[in-house]
Amino acid sequence: MGGVKINRNMEVLNKAGKVISGLYATGEVTGGLHGENHIGGNSVAEIIIFGRQARVKFAEFVKAE
């Protein structure tokens, strides 16, 4: 459990807590939302909601480039 850290825009953060431009992640590959450990499989709603949010934010990123 755990994984890469993300912010509320689903952007992946480096070890210093800075955004890695253009890199987005959702679901159980991410850490920080529920802490380092949570019950596996309880992320179905999270995957759907945050997957959509990542798509929206990535589309905004691409349009800005």
PDB file of N, CA and C in Angstrom:
ATOM      1  N   MET A   1       0.845  -1.187   0.000  1.00  0.00           N
ATOM      2  CA  MET A   1       0.000   0.000   0.000  1.00  0.00           C
ATOM      3  C   MET A   1       0.880   1.236   0.000  1.00  0.00           C
ATOM      4  N   GLY A   2       0.274   2.319  -0.329  1.00  0.00           N
ATOM      5  CA  GLY A   2       1.048   3.553  -0.429  1.00  0.00           C
ATOM      6  C   GLY A   2       1.373   3.813  -1.882  1.00  0.00           C
ATOM      7  N   GLY A   3       2.511   4.356  -2.127  1.00  0.00           N
ATOM      8  CA  GLY A   3       2.910   4.625  -3.501  1.00  0.00           C
ATOM      9  C   GLY A   3       3.311   6.061  -3.690  1.00  0.00           C
ATOM     10  N   VAL A   4       3.156   6.547  -4.916  1.00  0.00           N
ATOM     11  CA  VAL A   4       3.556   7.914  -5.222  1.00  0.00           C
ATOM     12  C   VAL A   4       2.623   8.901  -4.533  1.00  0.00           C
ATOM     13  N   LYS A   5       3.171  10.014  -4.125  1.00  0.00           N
ATOM     14  CA  LYS A   5       2.374  11.067  -3.492  1.00  0.00           C
ATOM     15  C   LYS A   5       1.760  11.939  -4.570  1.00  0.00           C
ATOM     16  N   ILE A   6       0.517  12.358  -4.352  1.00  0.00           N
ATOM     17  CA  ILE A   6      -0.170  13.241  -5.288  1.00  0.00           C
ATOM     18  C   ILE A   6      -0.766  14.420  -4.523  1.00  0.00           C
ATOM     19  N   ASN A   7      -1.108  15.470  -5.276  1.00  0.00           N
ATOM     20  CA  ASN A   7      -1.816  16.594  -4.679  1.00  0.00           C
ATOM     21  C   ASN A   7      -3.295  16.517  -5.075  1.00  0.00           C
ATOM     22  N   ARG A   8      -4.073  17.522  -4.749  1.00  0.00           N
ATOM     23  CA  ARG A   8      -5.512  17.459  -5.032  1.00  0.00           C
ATOM     24  C   ARG A   8      -5.831  17.576  -6.514  1.00  0.00           C
ATOM     25  N   ASN A   9      -4.843  17.903  -7.336  1.00  0.00           N
ATOM     26  CA  ASN A   9      -5.022  17.932  -8.792  1.00  0.00           C
ATOM     27  C   ASN A   9      -4.548  16.644  -9.443  1.00  0.00           C
ATOM     28  N   MET A  10      -4.254  15.625  -8.637  1.00  0.00           N
ATOM     29  CA  MET A  10      -3.792  14.314  -9.081  1.00  0.00           C
ATOM     30  C   MET A  10      -2.394  14.363  -9.685  1.00  0.00           C
ATOM     31  N   GLU A  11      -1.661  15.461  -9.469  1.00  0.00           N
ATOM     32  CA  GLU A  11      -0.298  15.589  -9.972  1.00  0.00           C
ATOM     33  C   GLU A  11       0.655  14.850  -9.032  1.00  0.00           C
ATOM     34  N   VAL A  12       1.587  14.111  -9.607  1.00  0.00           N
ATOM     35  CA  VAL A  12       2.565  13.373  -8.814  1.00  0.00           C
ATOM     36  C   VAL A  12       3.596  14.350  -8.261  1.00  0.00           C
ATOM     37  N   LEU A  13       3.958  14.142  -6.993  1.00  0.00           N
ATOM     38  CA  LEU A  13       4.938  14.990  -6.320  1.00  0.00           C
ATOM     39  C   LEU A  13       6.262  14.240  -6.171  1.00  0.00           C
ATOM     40  N   ASN A  14       7.363  14.971  -6.297  1.00  0.00           N
ATOM     41  CA  ASN A  14       8.673  14.351  -6.083  1.00  0.00           C
ATOM     42  C   ASN A  14       8.944  14.274  -4.576  1.00  0.00           C
ATOM     43  N   LYS A  15      10.119  13.779  -4.206  1.00  0.00           N
ATOM     44  CA  LYS A  15      10.438  13.611  -2.779  1.00  0.00           C
ATOM     45  C   LYS A  15      10.472  14.926  -2.020  1.00  0.00           C
ATOM     46  N   ALA A  16      10.708  16.027  -2.729  1.00  0.00           N
ATOM     47  CA  ALA A  16      10.724  17.348  -2.098  1.00  0.00           C
ATOM     48  C   ALA A  16       9.323  17.957  -2.015  1.00  0.00           C
ATOM     49  N   GLY A  17       8.304  17.230  -2.510  1.00  0.00           N
ATOM     50  CA  GLY A  17       6.933  17.724  -2.466  1.00  0.00           C
ATOM     51  C   GLY A  17       6.564  18.655  -3.607  1.00  0.00           C
ATOM     52  N   LYS A  18       7.416  18.711  -4.631  1.00  0.00           N
ATOM     53  CA  LYS A  18       7.169  19.570  -5.799  1.00  0.00           C
ATOM     54  C   LYS A  18       6.501  18.756  -6.904  1.00  0.00           C
ATOM     55  N   VAL A  19       5.643  19.412  -7.671  1.00  0.00           N
ATOM     56  CA  VAL A  19       4.921  18.765  -8.765  1.00  0.00           C
ATOM     57  C   VAL A  19       5.882  18.330  -9.866  1.00  0.00           C
ATOM     58  N   ILE A  20       5.687  17.094 -10.361  1.00  0.00           N
ATOM     59  CA  ILE A  20       6.395  16.618 -11.542  1.00  0.00           C
ATOM     60  C   ILE A  20       5.483  16.953 -12.723  1.00  0.00           C
ATOM     61  N   SER A  21       5.853  17.956 -13.484  1.00  0.00           N
ATOM     62  CA  SER A  21       5.011  18.490 -14.548  1.00  0.00           C
ATOM     63  C   SER A  21       4.573  17.420 -15.544  1.00  0.00           C
ATOM     64  N   GLY A  22       3.249  17.339 -15.772  1.00  0.00           N
ATOM     65  CA  GLY A  22       2.699  16.423 -16.762  1.00  0.00           C
ATOM     66  C   GLY A  22       2.501  15.000 -16.287  1.00  0.00           C
ATOM     67  N   LEU A  23       2.803  14.700 -15.023  1.00  0.00           N
ATOM     68  CA  LEU A  23       2.647  13.343 -14.507  1.00  0.00           C
ATOM     69  C   LEU A  23       1.492  13.302 -13.514  1.00  0.00           C
ATOM     70  N   TYR A  24       0.490  12.471 -13.811  1.00  0.00           N
ATOM     71  CA  TYR A  24      -0.708  12.355 -12.997  1.00  0.00           C
ATOM     72  C   TYR A  24      -0.886  10.903 -12.583  1.00  0.00           C
ATOM     73  N   ALA A  25      -1.511  10.668 -11.439  1.00  0.00           N
ATOM     74  CA  ALA A  25      -1.743   9.305 -10.974  1.00  0.00           C
ATOM     75  C   ALA A  25      -3.013   9.246 -10.140  1.00  0.00           C
ATOM     76  N   THR A  26      -3.657   8.082 -10.145  1.00  0.00           N
ATOM     77  CA  THR A  26      -4.854   7.861  -9.333  1.00  0.00           C
ATOM     78  C   THR A  26      -4.877   6.427  -8.842  1.00  0.00           C
ATOM     79  N   GLY A  27      -5.816   6.143  -7.990  1.00  0.00           N
ATOM     80  CA  GLY A  27      -6.049   4.774  -7.536  1.00  0.00           C
ATOM     81  C   GLY A  27      -5.048   4.306  -6.504  1.00  0.00           C
ATOM     82  N   GLU A  28      -4.911   2.988  -6.432  1.00  0.00           N
ATOM     83  CA  GLU A  28      -4.097   2.388  -5.383  1.00  0.00           C
ATOM     84  C   GLU A  28      -2.601   2.517  -5.623  1.00  0.00           C
ATOM     85  N   VAL A  29      -2.192   3.104  -6.755  1.00  0.00           N
ATOM     86  CA  VAL A  29      -0.774   3.384  -6.990  1.00  0.00           C
ATOM     87  C   VAL A  29      -0.340   4.625  -6.219  1.00  0.00           C
ATOM     88  N   THR A  30      -1.303   5.360  -5.688  1.00  0.00           N
ATOM     89  CA  THR A  30      -1.000   6.602  -4.989  1.00  0.00           C
ATOM     90  C   THR A  30      -0.995   6.401  -3.480  1.00  0.00           C
ATOM     91  N   GLY A  31      -0.314   7.283  -2.801  1.00  0.00           N
ATOM     92  CA  GLY A  31      -0.286   7.274  -1.345  1.00  0.00           C
ATOM     93  C   GLY A  31      -0.630   8.648  -0.836  1.00  0.00           C
ATOM     94  N   GLY A  32      -0.949   8.724   0.418  1.00  0.00           N
ATOM     95  CA  GLY A  32      -1.211  10.019   1.019  1.00  0.00           C
ATOM     96  C   GLY A  32      -2.677  10.301   1.258  1.00  0.00           C
ATOM     97  N   LEU A  33      -3.555   9.807   0.397  1.00  0.00           N
ATOM     98  CA  LEU A  33      -4.975  10.074   0.574  1.00  0.00           C
ATOM     99  C   LEU A  33      -5.503   9.370   1.819  1.00  0.00           C
ATOM    100  N   HIS A  34      -5.198   8.091   1.948  1.00  0.00           N
ATOM    101  CA  HIS A  34      -5.626   7.311   3.103  1.00  0.00           C
ATOM    102  C   HIS A  34      -4.466   6.993   4.032  1.00  0.00           C
ATOM    103  N   GLY A  35      -3.339   7.600   3.794  1.00  0.00           N
ATOM    104  CA  GLY A  35      -2.157   7.272   4.577  1.00  0.00           C
ATOM    105  C   GLY A  35      -1.365   6.171   3.908  1.00  0.00           C
ATOM    106  N   GLU A  36      -0.439   5.629   4.607  1.00  0.00           N
ATOM    107  CA  GLU A  36       0.442   4.601   4.056  1.00  0.00           C
ATOM    108  C   GLU A  36      -0.228   3.234   3.977  1.00  0.00           C
ATOM    109  N   ASN A  37      -1.323   3.030   4.704  1.00  0.00           N
ATOM    110  CA  ASN A  37      -1.928   1.715   4.748  1.00  0.00           C
ATOM    111  C   ASN A  37      -3.447   1.846   4.822  1.00  0.00           C
ATOM    112  N   HIS A  38      -4.138   1.184   3.924  1.00  0.00           N
ATOM    113  CA  HIS A  38      -5.596   1.097   3.988  1.00  0.00           C
ATOM    114  C   HIS A  38      -6.020  -0.240   3.418  1.00  0.00           C
ATOM    115  N   ILE A  39      -7.269  -0.596   3.615  1.00  0.00           N
ATOM    116  CA  ILE A  39      -7.758  -1.892   3.170  1.00  0.00           C
ATOM    117  C   ILE A  39      -7.815  -1.910   1.646  1.00  0.00           C
ATOM    118  N   GLY A  40      -7.094  -2.831   1.033  1.00  0.00           N
ATOM    119  CA  GLY A  40      -7.079  -2.948  -0.417  1.00  0.00           C
ATOM    120  C   GLY A  40      -8.472  -3.244  -0.955  1.00  0.00           C
ATOM    121  N   GLY A  41      -8.777  -2.730  -2.118  1.00  0.00           N
ATOM    122  CA  GLY A  41     -10.078  -2.958  -2.730  1.00  0.00           C
ATOM    123  C   GLY A  41     -11.124  -1.940  -2.343  1.00  0.00           C
ATOM    124  N   ASN A  42     -10.845  -1.122  -1.352  1.00  0.00           N
ATOM    125  CA  ASN A  42     -11.804  -0.107  -0.931  1.00  0.00           C
ATOM    126  C   ASN A  42     -11.674   1.170  -1.752  1.00  0.00           C
ATOM    127  N   SER A  43     -10.986   1.092  -2.851  1.00  0.00           N
ATOM    128  CA  SER A  43     -10.694   2.294  -3.625  1.00  0.00           C
ATOM    129  C   SER A  43     -11.494   2.408  -4.912  1.00  0.00           C
ATOM    130  N   VAL A  44     -12.557   1.621  -5.070  1.00  0.00           N
ATOM    131  CA  VAL A  44     -13.309   1.640  -6.322  1.00  0.00           C
ATOM    132  C   VAL A  44     -13.881   3.027  -6.598  1.00  0.00           C
ATOM    133  N   ALA A  45     -14.567   3.612  -5.645  1.00  0.00           N
ATOM    134  CA  ALA A  45     -15.120   4.962  -5.849  1.00  0.00           C
ATOM    135  C   ALA A  45     -13.995   5.971  -6.039  1.00  0.00           C
ATOM    136  N   GLU A  46     -12.932   5.814  -5.286  1.00  0.00           N
ATOM    137  CA  GLU A  46     -11.760   6.698  -5.402  1.00  0.00           C
ATOM    138  C   GLU A  46     -11.177   6.645  -6.807  1.00  0.00           C
ATOM    139  N   ILE A  47     -11.063   5.460  -7.367  1.00  0.00           N
ATOM    140  CA  ILE A  47     -10.500   5.299  -8.701  1.00  0.00           C
ATOM    141  C   ILE A  47     -11.362   6.018  -9.734  1.00  0.00           C
ATOM    142  N   ILE A  48     -12.669   5.867  -9.637  1.00  0.00           N
ATOM    143  CA  ILE A  48     -13.577   6.499 -10.599  1.00  0.00           C
ATOM    144  C   ILE A  48     -13.539   8.014 -10.472  1.00  0.00           C
ATOM    145  N   ILE A  49     -13.679   8.513  -9.266  1.00  0.00           N
ATOM    146  CA  ILE A  49     -13.723   9.964  -9.049  1.00  0.00           C
ATOM    147  C   ILE A  49     -12.388  10.611  -9.384  1.00  0.00           C
ATOM    148  N   PHE A  50     -11.302  10.073  -8.846  1.00  0.00           N
ATOM    149  CA  PHE A  50     -10.001  10.678  -9.074  1.00  0.00           C
ATOM    150  C   PHE A  50      -9.474  10.410 -10.474  1.00  0.00           C
ATOM    151  N   GLY A  51      -9.899   9.316 -11.091  1.00  0.00           N
ATOM    152  CA  GLY A  51      -9.550   9.063 -12.485  1.00  0.00           C
ATOM    153  C   GLY A  51     -10.125  10.141 -13.388  1.00  0.00           C
ATOM    154  N   ARG A  52     -11.373  10.501 -13.134  1.00  0.00           N
ATOM    155  CA  ARG A  52     -11.993  11.578 -13.902  1.00  0.00           C
ATOM    156  C   ARG A  52     -11.280  12.904 -13.636  1.00  0.00           C
ATOM    157  N   GLN A  53     -10.971  13.164 -12.365  1.00  0.00           N
ATOM    158  CA  GLN A  53     -10.281  14.412 -12.010  1.00  0.00           C
ATOM    159  C   GLN A  53      -8.914  14.494 -12.696  1.00  0.00           C
ATOM    160  N   ALA A  54      -8.201  13.383 -12.743  1.00  0.00           N
ATOM    161  CA  ALA A  54      -6.894  13.361 -13.415  1.00  0.00           C
ATOM    162  C   ALA A  54      -7.058  13.640 -14.903  1.00  0.00           C
ATOM    163  N   ARG A  55      -8.096  13.078 -15.514  1.00  0.00           N
ATOM    164  CA  ARG A  55      -8.351  13.319 -16.941  1.00  0.00           C
ATOM    165  C   ARG A  55      -8.618  14.789 -17.202  1.00  0.00           C
ATOM    166  N   VAL A  56      -9.440  15.399 -16.361  1.00  0.00           N
ATOM    167  CA  VAL A  56      -9.760  16.829 -16.510  1.00  0.00           C
ATOM    168  C   VAL A  56      -8.498  17.678 -16.352  1.00  0.00           C
ATOM    169  N   LYS A  57      -7.720  17.411 -15.315  1.00  0.00           N
ATOM    170  CA  LYS A  57      -6.512  18.196 -15.065  1.00  0.00           C
ATOM    171  C   LYS A  57      -5.464  17.984 -16.152  1.00  0.00           C
ATOM    172  N   PHE A  58      -5.349  16.762 -16.661  1.00  0.00           N
ATOM    173  CA  PHE A  58      -4.390  16.510 -17.729  1.00  0.00           C
ATOM    174  C   PHE A  58      -4.822  17.231 -19.011  1.00  0.00           C
ATOM    175  N   ALA A  59      -6.115  17.227 -19.301  1.00  0.00           N
ATOM    176  CA  ALA A  59      -6.617  17.960 -20.477  1.00  0.00           C
ATOM    177  C   ALA A  59      -6.301  19.448 -20.355  1.00  0.00           C
ATOM    178  N   GLU A  60      -6.456  20.015 -19.172  1.00  0.00           N
ATOM    179  CA  GLU A  60      -6.102  21.421 -18.946  1.00  0.00           C
ATOM    180  C   GLU A  60      -4.612  21.648 -19.171  1.00  0.00           C
ATOM    181  N   PHE A  61      -3.793  20.709 -18.701  1.00  0.00           N
ATOM    182  CA  PHE A  61      -2.345  20.800 -18.860  1.00  0.00           C
ATOM    183  C   PHE A  61      -1.959  20.781 -20.334  1.00  0.00           C
ATOM    184  N   VAL A  62      -2.546  19.872 -21.108  1.00  0.00           N
ATOM    185  CA  VAL A  62      -2.233  19.755 -22.530  1.00  0.00           C
ATOM    186  C   VAL A  62      -2.653  21.007 -23.280  1.00  0.00           C
ATOM    187  N   LYS A  63      -3.815  21.542 -22.974  1.00  0.00           N
ATOM    188  CA  LYS A  63      -4.298  22.758 -23.638  1.00  0.00           C
ATOM    189  C   LYS A  63      -3.398  23.949 -23.338  1.00  0.00           C
ATOM    190  N   ALA A  64      -2.807  23.974 -22.155  1.00  0.00           N
ATOM    191  CA  ALA A  64      -1.946  25.085 -21.753  1.00  0.00           C
ATOM    192  C   ALA A  64      -0.578  25.031 -22.426  1.00  0.00           C
ATOM    193  N   GLU A  65      -0.182  23.847 -22.867  1.00  0.00           N
ATOM    194  CA  GLU A  65       1.151  23.679 -23.487  1.00  0.00           C
ATOM    195  C   GLU A  65       1.203  24.250 -24.850  1.00  0.00           C
TER     196      GLU A  65
END
